[in-house]
C-alpha atoms as a PDB file:
ATOM      1  CA  MET A   1     114.368  38.998 100.237  1.00  0.00           C
ATOM      2  CA  LYS A   2     112.230  42.080  99.637  1.00  0.00           C
ATOM      3  CA  ARG A   3     108.473  41.528  99.920  1.00  0.00           C
ATOM      4  CA  ILE A   4     105.740  43.464  98.109  1.00  0.00           C
ATOM      5  CA  VAL A   5     102.089  42.710  98.911  1.00  0.00           C
ATOM      6  CA  SER A   6      98.993  44.032  97.185  1.00  0.00           C
ATOM      7  CA  VAL A   7      96.017  43.910  99.541  1.00  0.00           C
ATOM      8  CA  SER A   8      92.987  43.954  97.268  1.00  0.00           C
ATOM      9  CA  LEU A   9      89.272  44.318  97.817  1.00  0.00           C
ATOM     10  CA  GLY A  10      88.917  42.110  94.763  1.00  0.00           C
ATOM     11  CA  SER A  11      88.213  38.413  94.390  1.00  0.00           C
ATOM     12  CA  SER A  12      90.555  35.923  96.035  1.00  0.00           C
ATOM     13  CA  THR A  13      90.271  33.783  92.884  1.00  0.00           C
ATOM     14  CA  ARG A  14      92.671  36.257  91.233  1.00  0.00           C
ATOM     15  CA  ASN A  15      95.402  35.812  93.865  1.00  0.00           C
ATOM     16  CA  HIS A  16      98.959  35.279  92.627  1.00  0.00           C
ATOM     17  CA  GLN A  17     102.475  35.154  94.049  1.00  0.00           C
ATOM     18  CA  VAL A  18     105.872  35.096  92.343  1.00  0.00           C
ATOM     19  CA  VAL A  19     109.516  35.520  93.251  1.00  0.00           C
ATOM     20  CA  VAL A  20     111.624  37.422  90.723  1.00  0.00           C
ATOM     21  CA  ARG A  21     115.266  38.381  90.701  1.00  0.00           C
ATOM     22  CA  ILE A  22     116.155  41.953  89.792  1.00  0.00           C
ATOM     23  CA  GLY A  23     119.859  42.743  89.854  1.00  0.00           C
ATOM     24  CA  GLU A  24     121.324  41.007  92.884  1.00  0.00           C
ATOM     25  CA  GLU A  25     118.102  40.892  94.915  1.00  0.00           C
ATOM     26  CA  ASP A  26     115.094  38.580  95.083  1.00  0.00           C
ATOM     27  CA  TYR A  27     111.626  40.120  95.322  1.00  0.00           C
ATOM     28  CA  SER A  28     108.502  38.326  96.484  1.00  0.00           C
ATOM     29  CA  ILE A  29     105.474  39.895  94.781  1.00  0.00           C
ATOM     30  CA  GLU A  30     102.031  38.866  95.991  1.00  0.00           C
ATOM     31  CA  ARG A  31      98.406  39.822  95.479  1.00  0.00           C
ATOM     32  CA  ILE A  32      95.889  38.881  98.210  1.00  0.00           C
ATOM     33  CA  GLY A  33      92.168  39.470  97.605  1.00  0.00           C
ATOM     34  CA  THR A  34      89.665  39.887 100.425  1.00  0.00           C
ATOM     35  CA  ASN A  35      86.456  39.364  98.392  1.00  0.00           C
ATOM     36  CA  GLY A  36      85.195  42.878  98.989  1.00  0.00           C
ATOM     37  CA  SER A  37      85.750  42.854 102.755  1.00  0.00           C
ATOM     38  CA  TYR A  38      87.186  46.081 104.157  1.00  0.00           C
ATOM     39  CA  LYS A  39      87.475  44.385 107.552  1.00  0.00           C
ATOM     40  CA  LYS A  40      89.685  41.599 106.206  1.00  0.00           C
ATOM     41  CA  ALA A  41      91.749  44.047 104.149  1.00  0.00           C
ATOM     42  CA  ILE A  42      92.412  46.312 107.124  1.00  0.00           C
ATOM     43  CA  GLU A  43      93.242  43.351 109.379  1.00  0.00           C
ATOM     44  CA  LEU A  44      95.707  42.048 106.790  1.00  0.00           C
ATOM     45  CA  ILE A  45      97.364  45.434 106.369  1.00  0.00           C
ATOM     46  CA  GLU A  46      97.683  45.829 110.144  1.00  0.00           C
ATOM     47  CA  GLU A  47      99.116  42.310 110.434  1.00  0.00           C
ATOM     48  CA  LEU A  48     101.765  42.882 107.738  1.00  0.00           C
ATOM     49  CA  ASP A  49     102.538  46.542 108.509  1.00  0.00           C
ATOM     50  CA  GLY A  50     106.248  46.925 109.121  1.00  0.00           C
ATOM     51  CA  LYS A  51     106.907  43.317 108.042  1.00  0.00           C
ATOM     52  CA  VAL A  52     106.808  43.914 104.278  1.00  0.00           C
ATOM     53  CA  ASP A  53     108.629  46.495 102.179  1.00  0.00           C
ATOM     54  CA  ALA A  54     105.667  48.033 100.330  1.00  0.00           C
ATOM     55  CA  PHE A  55     101.903  47.664  99.996  1.00  0.00           C
ATOM     56  CA  GLY A  56      99.824  47.994  96.863  1.00  0.00           C
ATOM     57  CA  MET A  57      96.211  49.110  97.308  1.00  0.00           C
ATOM     58  CA  GLY A  58      94.166  46.865  95.027  1.00  0.00           C
ATOM     59  CA  GLY A  59      90.555  46.748  93.921  1.00  0.00           C
ATOM     60  CA  ILE A  60      90.168  50.442  94.621  1.00  0.00           C
ATOM     61  CA  SER A  61      91.679  53.728  93.442  1.00  0.00           C
ATOM     62  CA  MET A  62      92.953  56.239  95.945  1.00  0.00           C
ATOM     63  CA  TYR A  63      92.999  59.045  93.399  1.00  0.00           C
ATOM     64  CA  LEU A  64      91.138  60.104  90.262  1.00  0.00           C
ATOM     65  CA  TYR A  65      92.362  62.959  88.066  1.00  0.00           C
ATOM     66  CA  GLY A  66      90.690  65.910  86.393  1.00  0.00           C
ATOM     67  CA  ARG A  67      91.679  69.090  84.551  1.00  0.00           C
ATOM     68  CA  ASN A  68      95.333  70.125  84.963  1.00  0.00           C
ATOM     69  CA  HIS A  69      95.928  66.840  86.800  1.00  0.00           C
ATOM     70  CA  HIS A  70      93.816  67.999  89.725  1.00  0.00           C
ATOM     71  CA  ARG A  71      93.709  65.071  92.117  1.00  0.00           C
ATOM     72  CA  TYR A  72      90.504  63.896  93.786  1.00  0.00           C
ATOM     73  CA  THR A  73      90.906  61.661  96.844  1.00  0.00           C
ATOM     74  CA  MET A  74      88.347  58.845  97.132  1.00  0.00           C
ATOM     75  CA  ARG A  75      87.012  58.752 100.681  1.00  0.00           C
ATOM     76  CA  SER A  76      86.395  54.996 100.585  1.00  0.00           C
ATOM     77  CA  ALA A  77      90.138  54.342 100.121  1.00  0.00           C
ATOM     78  CA  LEU A  78      91.228  56.246 103.231  1.00  0.00           C
ATOM     79  CA  PRO A  79      90.612  53.420 105.768  1.00  0.00           C
ATOM     80  CA  LEU A  80      93.049  51.193 103.879  1.00  0.00           C
ATOM     81  CA  LEU A  81      95.678  53.918 103.646  1.00  0.00           C
ATOM     82  CA  LYS A  82      95.370  54.770 107.333  1.00  0.00           C
ATOM     83  CA  ALA A  83      95.797  51.117 108.351  1.00  0.00           C
ATOM     84  CA  ALA A  84      99.418  51.189 107.164  1.00  0.00           C
ATOM     85  CA  HIS A  85     101.536  53.120 109.677  1.00  0.00           C
ATOM     86  CA  LYS A  86     105.029  51.792 108.909  1.00  0.00           C
ATOM     87  CA  THR A  87     104.997  50.286 105.422  1.00  0.00           C
ATOM     88  CA  PRO A  88     104.418  52.649 102.461  1.00  0.00           C
ATOM     89  CA  MET A  89     101.256  52.078 100.411  1.00  0.00           C
ATOM     90  CA  VAL A  90     100.535  53.104  96.811  1.00  0.00           C
ATOM     91  CA  ASP A  91      97.502  52.738  94.538  1.00  0.00           C
ATOM     92  CA  GLY A  92      99.280  52.660  91.167  1.00  0.00           C
ATOM     93  CA  SER A  93      98.497  56.229  90.099  1.00  0.00           C
ATOM     94  CA  GLY A  94     102.187  57.122  89.832  1.00  0.00           C
ATOM     95  CA  LEU A  95     102.760  54.428  87.236  1.00  0.00           C
ATOM     96  CA  LYS A  96      99.476  55.121  85.488  1.00  0.00           C
ATOM     97  CA  ASN A  97     100.770  58.596  84.687  1.00  0.00           C
ATOM     98  CA  THR A  98     104.157  57.340  83.420  1.00  0.00           C
ATOM     99  CA  LEU A  99     104.164  53.668  82.389  1.00  0.00           C
ATOM    100  CA  GLU A 100     100.779  53.919  80.699  1.00  0.00           C
ATOM    101  CA  ARG A 101     101.795  56.940  78.646  1.00  0.00           C
ATOM    102  CA  HIS A 102     104.756  54.843  77.579  1.00  0.00           C
ATOM    103  CA  VAL A 103     102.570  51.919  76.455  1.00  0.00           C
ATOM    104  CA  VAL A 104     100.686  54.204  74.042  1.00  0.00           C
ATOM    105  CA  GLN A 105     103.985  55.177  72.419  1.00  0.00           C
ATOM    106  CA  TYR A 106     105.008  51.516  72.406  1.00  0.00           C
ATOM    107  CA  LEU A 107     101.959  50.617  70.305  1.00  0.00           C
ATOM    108  CA  SER A 108     103.039  53.085  67.659  1.00  0.00           C
ATOM    109  CA  LYS A 109     106.830  52.940  67.706  1.00  0.00           C
ATOM    110  CA  GLU A 110     107.509  49.287  68.561  1.00  0.00           C
ATOM    111  CA  LEU A 111     104.430  47.442  67.284  1.00  0.00           C
ATOM    112  CA  GLY A 112     103.896  49.658  64.235  1.00  0.00           C
ATOM    113  CA  ILE A 113     100.212  50.284  64.911  1.00  0.00           C
ATOM    114  CA  GLN A 114      98.969  53.383  63.110  1.00  0.00           C
ATOM    115  CA  LEU A 115      97.085  55.150  65.886  1.00  0.00           C
ATOM    116  CA  LYS A 116      96.022  58.326  64.125  1.00  0.00           C
ATOM    117  CA  GLU A 117      92.254  58.328  63.587  1.00  0.00           C
ATOM    118  CA  LYS A 118      91.835  54.963  65.297  1.00  0.00           C
ATOM    119  CA  THR A 119      88.815  54.968  67.619  1.00  0.00           C
ATOM    120  CA  VAL A 120      89.805  54.220  71.200  1.00  0.00           C
ATOM    121  CA  LEU A 121      87.351  53.428  73.999  1.00  0.00           C
ATOM    122  CA  ILE A 122      89.005  54.285  77.318  1.00  0.00           C
ATOM    123  CA  VAL A 123      86.753  52.729  79.919  1.00  0.00           C
ATOM    124  CA  CYS A 124      87.665  55.221  82.672  1.00  0.00           C
ATOM    125  CA  GLY A 125      89.750  58.236  81.682  1.00  0.00           C
ATOM    126  CA  MET A 126      89.854  59.813  85.130  1.00  0.00           C
ATOM    127  CA  GLU A 127      91.396  56.668  86.556  1.00  0.00           C
ATOM    128  CA  ARG A 128      94.038  56.407  83.816  1.00  0.00           C
ATOM    129  CA  LEU A 129      94.752  59.968  82.761  1.00  0.00           C
ATOM    130  CA  GLY A 130      98.200  59.142  81.362  1.00  0.00           C
ATOM    131  CA  MET A 131      96.697  56.672  78.916  1.00  0.00           C
ATOM    132  CA  ALA A 132      93.746  58.947  78.167  1.00  0.00           C
ATOM    133  CA  GLU A 133      95.996  61.890  77.300  1.00  0.00           C
ATOM    134  CA  GLY A 134      98.434  59.654  75.402  1.00  0.00           C
ATOM    135  CA  PHE A 135      95.847  58.359  72.941  1.00  0.00           C
ATOM    136  CA  ALA A 136      94.423  61.855  72.408  1.00  0.00           C
ATOM    137  CA  GLN A 137      97.904  63.220  71.672  1.00  0.00           C
ATOM    138  CA  GLU A 138      98.438  60.490  69.058  1.00  0.00           C
ATOM    139  CA  GLY A 139      95.448  61.797  67.101  1.00  0.00           C
ATOM    140  CA  CYS A 140      93.020  59.047  68.024  1.00  0.00           C
ATOM    141  CA  ARG A 141      89.260  59.475  68.055  1.00  0.00           C
ATOM    142  CA  THR A 142      88.550  59.030  71.756  1.00  0.00           C
ATOM    143  CA  LEU A 143      85.564  57.782  73.701  1.00  0.00           C
ATOM    144  CA  TYR A 144      85.747  58.087  77.494  1.00  0.00           C
ATOM    145  CA  GLY A 145      83.391  55.648  79.188  1.00  0.00           C
ATOM    146  CA  ASP A 146      83.599  56.881  82.788  1.00  0.00           C
ATOM    147  CA  LEU A 147      79.842  57.321  83.122  1.00  0.00           C
ATOM    148  CA  MET A 148      79.063  53.961  81.515  1.00  0.00           C
ATOM    149  CA  PHE A 149      81.491  51.736  83.378  1.00  0.00           C
ATOM    150  CA  ALA A 150      81.515  53.445  86.789  1.00  0.00           C
ATOM    151  CA  LEU A 151      77.899  54.600  87.004  1.00  0.00           C
ATOM    152  CA  GLY A 152      76.062  52.525  84.390  1.00  0.00           C
ATOM    153  CA  LEU A 153      74.861  55.576  82.437  1.00  0.00           C
ATOM    154  CA  PRO A 154      74.724  55.209  78.624  1.00  0.00           C
ATOM    155  CA  TYR A 155      76.833  58.229  77.696  1.00  0.00           C
ATOM    156  CA  VAL A 156      80.425  58.690  76.503  1.00  0.00           C
ATOM    157  CA  PHE A 157      82.588  61.789  76.464  1.00  0.00           C
ATOM    158  CA  LYS A 158      84.336  62.352  73.133  1.00  0.00           C
ATOM    159  CA  ASP A 159      87.116  64.576  74.415  1.00  0.00           C
ATOM    160  CA  LEU A 160      88.951  65.302  77.630  1.00  0.00           C
ATOM    161  CA  LYS A 161      87.421  68.767  77.925  1.00  0.00           C
ATOM    162  CA  GLY A 162      83.970  67.266  78.324  1.00  0.00           C
ATOM    163  CA  LEU A 163      85.228  64.707  80.821  1.00  0.00           C
ATOM    164  CA  HIS A 164      87.013  67.397  82.838  1.00  0.00           C
ATOM    165  CA  ARG A 165      83.944  69.656  82.876  1.00  0.00           C
ATOM    166  CA  PHE A 166      81.924  66.758  84.242  1.00  0.00           C
ATOM    167  CA  ALA A 167      84.590  66.050  86.871  1.00  0.00           C
ATOM    168  CA  THR A 168      84.586  69.637  88.103  1.00  0.00           C
ATOM    169  CA  VAL A 169      80.851  69.456  88.776  1.00  0.00           C
ATOM    170  CA  ALA A 170      80.387  65.842  89.862  1.00  0.00           C
ATOM    171  CA  MET A 171      83.576  64.710  91.596  1.00  0.00           C
ATOM    172  CA  PRO A 172      82.870  66.495  94.896  1.00  0.00           C
ATOM    173  CA  ILE A 173      79.909  64.076  95.173  1.00  0.00           C
ATOM    174  CA  ILE A 174      81.394  61.001  93.475  1.00  0.00           C
ATOM    175  CA  LYS A 175      84.536  61.010  95.624  1.00  0.00           C
ATOM    176  CA  MET A 176      82.311  60.481  98.682  1.00  0.00           C
ATOM    177  CA  MET A 177      80.560  57.404  97.218  1.00  0.00           C
ATOM    178  CA  PRO A 178      81.369  53.819  98.325  1.00  0.00           C
ATOM    179  CA  MET A 179      83.853  52.193  95.958  1.00  0.00           C
ATOM    180  CA  LYS A 180      81.618  49.120  95.600  1.00  0.00           C
ATOM    181  CA  VAL A 181      79.161  51.363  93.732  1.00  0.00           C
ATOM    182  CA  LEU A 182      81.824  52.551  91.298  1.00  0.00           C
ATOM    183  CA  TYR A 183      84.036  49.520  90.750  1.00  0.00           C
ATOM    184  CA  PRO A 184      83.511  45.732  90.720  1.00  0.00           C
ATOM    185  CA  SER A 185      84.849  44.124  93.883  1.00  0.00           C
ATOM    186  CA  GLY A 186      84.765  40.655  95.403  1.00  0.00           C
ATOM    187  CA  GLU A 187      82.847  38.058  93.400  1.00  0.00           C
ATOM    188  CA  LYS A 188      81.532  40.781  91.049  1.00  0.00           C
ATOM    189  CA  GLN A 189      84.979  40.784  89.440  1.00  0.00           C
ATOM    190  CA  ASP A 190      84.180  37.374  87.941  1.00  0.00           C
ATOM    191  CA  ILE A 191      80.849  38.436  86.393  1.00  0.00           C
ATOM    192  CA  ASN A 192      80.410  39.498  82.771  1.00  0.00           C
ATOM    193  CA  THR A 193      77.152  41.183  81.760  1.00  0.00           C
ATOM    194  CA  PRO A 194      77.375  42.253  78.087  1.00  0.00           C
ATOM    195  CA  LYS A 195      76.226  45.846  77.727  1.00  0.00           C
ATOM    196  CA  PHE A 196      76.935  48.983  75.680  1.00  0.00           C
ATOM    197  CA  GLU A 197      77.685  46.789  72.651  1.00  0.00           C
ATOM    198  CA  LYS A 198      77.283  49.685  70.226  1.00  0.00           C
ATOM    199  CA  VAL A 199      80.118  51.626  71.861  1.00  0.00           C
ATOM    200  CA  PHE A 200      82.376  48.564  71.998  1.00  0.00           C
ATOM    201  CA  LYS A 201      81.694  47.950  68.313  1.00  0.00           C
ATOM    202  CA  GLN A 202      82.770  51.496  67.386  1.00  0.00           C
ATOM    203  CA  ALA A 203      86.203  51.060  68.932  1.00  0.00           C
ATOM    204  CA  ASP A 204      89.329  49.693  67.263  1.00  0.00           C
ATOM    205  CA  ILE A 205      91.171  49.758  70.597  1.00  0.00           C
ATOM    206  CA  ILE A 206      89.666  49.191  74.041  1.00  0.00           C
ATOM    207  CA  ALA A 207      91.868  50.506  76.821  1.00  0.00           C
ATOM    208  CA  GLY A 208      91.950  50.794  80.588  1.00  0.00           C
ATOM    209  CA  ASP A 209      91.271  48.706  83.668  1.00  0.00           C
ATOM    210  CA  PHE A 210      90.557  45.125  82.607  1.00  0.00           C
ATOM    211  CA  LEU A 211      87.873  44.557  85.224  1.00  0.00           C
ATOM    212  CA  TYR A 212      85.906  47.470  83.759  1.00  0.00           C
ATOM    213  CA  ILE A 213      86.419  46.026  80.268  1.00  0.00           C
ATOM    214  CA  LYS A 214      85.375  42.551  81.405  1.00  0.00           C
ATOM    215  CA  LYS A 215      82.348  43.885  83.292  1.00  0.00           C
ATOM    216  CA  HIS A 216      80.367  44.674  80.123  1.00  0.00           C
ATOM    217  CA  MET A 217      82.437  43.062  77.360  1.00  0.00           C
ATOM    218  CA  PRO A 218      80.200  41.853  74.501  1.00  0.00           C
ATOM    219  CA  LEU A 219      80.181  38.259  73.246  1.00  0.00           C
ATOM    220  CA  SER A 220      82.116  39.352  70.146  1.00  0.00           C
ATOM    221  CA  MET A 221      85.401  41.243  70.466  1.00  0.00           C
ATOM    222  CA  GLU A 222      86.432  40.407  66.923  1.00  0.00           C
ATOM    223  CA  ASP A 223      89.581  42.229  65.739  1.00  0.00           C
ATOM    224  CA  LYS A 224      89.769  44.409  68.874  1.00  0.00           C
ATOM    225  CA  ILE A 225      93.108  45.468  70.361  1.00  0.00           C
ATOM    226  CA  ILE A 226      92.999  45.463  74.164  1.00  0.00           C
ATOM    227  CA  VAL A 227      95.401  47.697  76.110  1.00  0.00           C
ATOM    228  CA  SER A 228      95.171  46.923  79.798  1.00  0.00           C
ATOM    229  CA  ASN A 229      96.826  45.126  82.715  1.00  0.00           C
ATOM    230  CA  THR A 230      95.912  42.859  85.668  1.00  0.00           C
ATOM    231  CA  VAL A 231      95.005  39.938  83.412  1.00  0.00           C
ATOM    232  CA  THR A 232      94.982  36.300  84.488  1.00  0.00           C
ATOM    233  CA  PRO A 233      95.350  33.259  82.183  1.00  0.00           C
ATOM    234  CA  GLN A 234      91.556  32.891  82.400  1.00  0.00           C
ATOM    235  CA  ASP A 235      91.115  36.499  81.216  1.00  0.00           C
ATOM    236  CA  ILE A 236      93.358  35.822  78.225  1.00  0.00           C
ATOM    237  CA  GLU A 237      91.333  32.748  77.289  1.00  0.00           C
ATOM    238  CA  LEU A 238      88.143  34.798  77.543  1.00  0.00           C
ATOM    239  CA  LEU A 239      89.558  37.363  75.099  1.00  0.00           C
ATOM    240  CA  ARG A 240      90.667  34.566  72.785  1.00  0.00           C
ATOM    241  CA  GLU A 241      87.214  32.963  72.839  1.00  0.00           C
ATOM    242  CA  ARG A 242      85.563  36.269  71.992  1.00  0.00           C
ATOM    243  CA  GLY A 243      87.781  36.937  69.003  1.00  0.00           C
ATOM    244  CA  ALA A 244      90.127  39.697  70.204  1.00  0.00           C
ATOM    245  CA  LYS A 245      93.060  40.427  67.904  1.00  0.00           C
ATOM    246  CA  MET A 246      95.753  41.461  70.386  1.00  0.00           C
ATOM    247  CA  LEU A 247      96.366  42.154  74.064  1.00  0.00           C
ATOM    248  CA  VAL A 248      99.023  44.603  75.223  1.00  0.00           C
ATOM    249  CA  THR A 249      99.581  45.033  78.956  1.00  0.00           C
ATOM    250  CA  SER A 250     101.419  47.967  80.468  1.00  0.00           C
ATOM    251  CA  THR A 251     102.885  45.713  83.174  1.00  0.00           C
ATOM    252  CA  PRO A 252     105.118  42.700  82.431  1.00  0.00           C
ATOM    253  CA  GLU A 253     104.158  39.040  82.529  1.00  0.00           C
ATOM    254  CA  LEU A 254     105.232  37.328  85.761  1.00  0.00           C
ATOM    255  CA  ASN A 255     104.593  33.566  85.766  1.00  0.00           C
ATOM    256  CA  GLY A 256     101.589  33.841  83.465  1.00  0.00           C
ATOM    257  CA  ARG A 257     100.061  36.873  85.135  1.00  0.00           C
ATOM    258  CA  SER A 258     100.210  40.616  84.513  1.00  0.00           C
ATOM    259  CA  PHE A 259      99.899  42.309  87.891  1.00  0.00           C
ATOM    260  CA  GLY A 260      98.069  45.569  88.535  1.00  0.00           C
ATOM    261  CA  THR A 261      99.810  48.930  88.476  1.00  0.00           C
ATOM    262  CA  ASN A 262      99.421  49.175  92.265  1.00  0.00           C
ATOM    263  CA  VAL A 263     101.631  46.093  92.663  1.00  0.00           C
ATOM    264  CA  MET A 264     104.225  47.301  90.193  1.00  0.00           C
ATOM    265  CA  GLU A 265     104.281  50.787  91.680  1.00  0.00           C
ATOM    266  CA  ALA A 266     104.921  49.236  95.093  1.00  0.00           C
ATOM    267  CA  LEU A 267     107.836  47.347  93.531  1.00  0.00           C
ATOM    268  CA  ALA A 268     109.052  50.572  91.902  1.00  0.00           C
ATOM    269  CA  CYS A 269     109.024  52.324  95.279  1.00  0.00           C
ATOM    270  CA  VAL A 270     111.264  49.617  96.730  1.00  0.00           C
ATOM    271  CA  LEU A 271     113.623  49.771  93.738  1.00  0.00           C
ATOM    272  CA  ILE A 272     113.813  53.577  93.912  1.00  0.00           C
ATOM    273  CA  GLY A 273     114.267  53.550  97.672  1.00  0.00           C
ATOM    274  CA  LYS A 274     112.158  56.607  98.455  1.00  0.00           C
ATOM    275  CA  LYS A 275     108.877  57.311 100.215  1.00  0.00           C
ATOM    276  CA  PRO A 276     105.986  57.504  97.719  1.00  0.00           C
ATOM    277  CA  GLU A 277     105.462  61.208  98.355  1.00  0.00           C
ATOM    278  CA  ASP A 278     109.120  61.913  97.513  1.00  0.00           C
ATOM    279  CA  ILE A 279     109.206  60.021  94.203  1.00  0.00           C
ATOM    280  CA  THR A 280     109.323  62.176  91.069  1.00  0.00           C
ATOM    281  CA  ILE A 281     108.204  61.413  87.525  1.00  0.00           C
ATOM    282  CA  ASP A 282     111.879  61.098  86.546  1.00  0.00           C
ATOM    283  CA  ASP A 283     112.351  58.472  89.270  1.00  0.00           C
ATOM    284  CA  TYR A 284     109.473  56.425  87.874  1.00  0.00           C
ATOM    285  CA  LEU A 285     110.743  56.808  84.311  1.00  0.00           C
ATOM    286  CA  LYS A 286     114.153  55.413  85.262  1.00  0.00           C
ATOM    287  CA  VAL A 287     112.461  52.285  86.594  1.00  0.00           C
ATOM    288  CA  VAL A 288     110.014  52.022  83.697  1.00  0.00           C
ATOM    289  CA  ASN A 289     112.872  52.132  81.188  1.00  0.00           C
ATOM    290  CA  GLN A 290     114.481  49.032  82.702  1.00  0.00           C
ATOM    291  CA  ASP A 291     114.104  45.791  80.714  1.00  0.00           C
ATOM    292  CA  PHE A 292     112.168  44.264  83.600  1.00  0.00           C
ATOM    293  CA  PHE A 293     109.198  46.542  82.867  1.00  0.00           C
ATOM    294  CA  THR A 294     108.821  45.369  79.253  1.00  0.00           C
ATOM    295  CA  HIS A 295     105.215  45.478  78.076  1.00  0.00           C
ATOM    296  CA  ARG A 296     103.521  42.171  77.399  1.00  0.00           C
ATOM    297  CA  VAL A 297     102.077  41.429  73.948  1.00  0.00           C
ATOM    298  CA  VAL A 298      99.705  38.538  73.187  1.00  0.00           C
ATOM    299  CA  TYR A 299      98.552  37.870  69.625  1.00  0.00           C
ATOM    300  CA  PHE A 300      95.348  35.841  69.302  1.00  0.00           C
END
């Protein structure tokens, strides 16, 4: 049996493990949270290194993307990457630039949602550039909430040019910041503090990392379409209670849970059979186009 493990800095309450059969092979897919502890995460990676087939890096992004897909490496992710000497580790960015472009097209072509001129709030465009570019290309009115959700500043970018200009100036500093400042980890992943309600209210579609969405989600999400991933049954109930219209996840449902892109990219690496640095966009697309990677749709 192949084994894929996501070692996450996130809350252990979101842990999940499934065994799925793809073709003639069984795959154990597991997410293990360390409640924000780098020490525990590194110890776990070192313990499993060489004993599992691929690692996902959870609760943290290794890379953010700017103009012309320029890649910024987050310093706080390097200790986790360096702890894995034998087993390949990925952060999900490969799938974010392929699978999440595909989910935008899926909304239009398969679900019949008229995207042109819809207002879309993308909670962090630099973290999910494929999705950010996809909605813009469909003619949506875009709001990029990178400053709001990562730094708590009440400002949105209305186009990618503005976001990229900001990245050019600020990312040399931001990439050196601790991830706990930029992204909810540990028990903070279970906390909802409603904020930026005006921006949420403007949007027809709210897209991106669910933990960012959940972080400041208002009490009313009436008629909102959520495009995300890494949702638990409890997250789905929360969206239902707050009146959301629909949830579409880029990753498939596995025993009631949609895993993060880091987990699914680790699985993709095993299926492709190449080192992460050798995998091309075409390689990812071949995996994404398999029935196993069907997007999940929940109507409320």
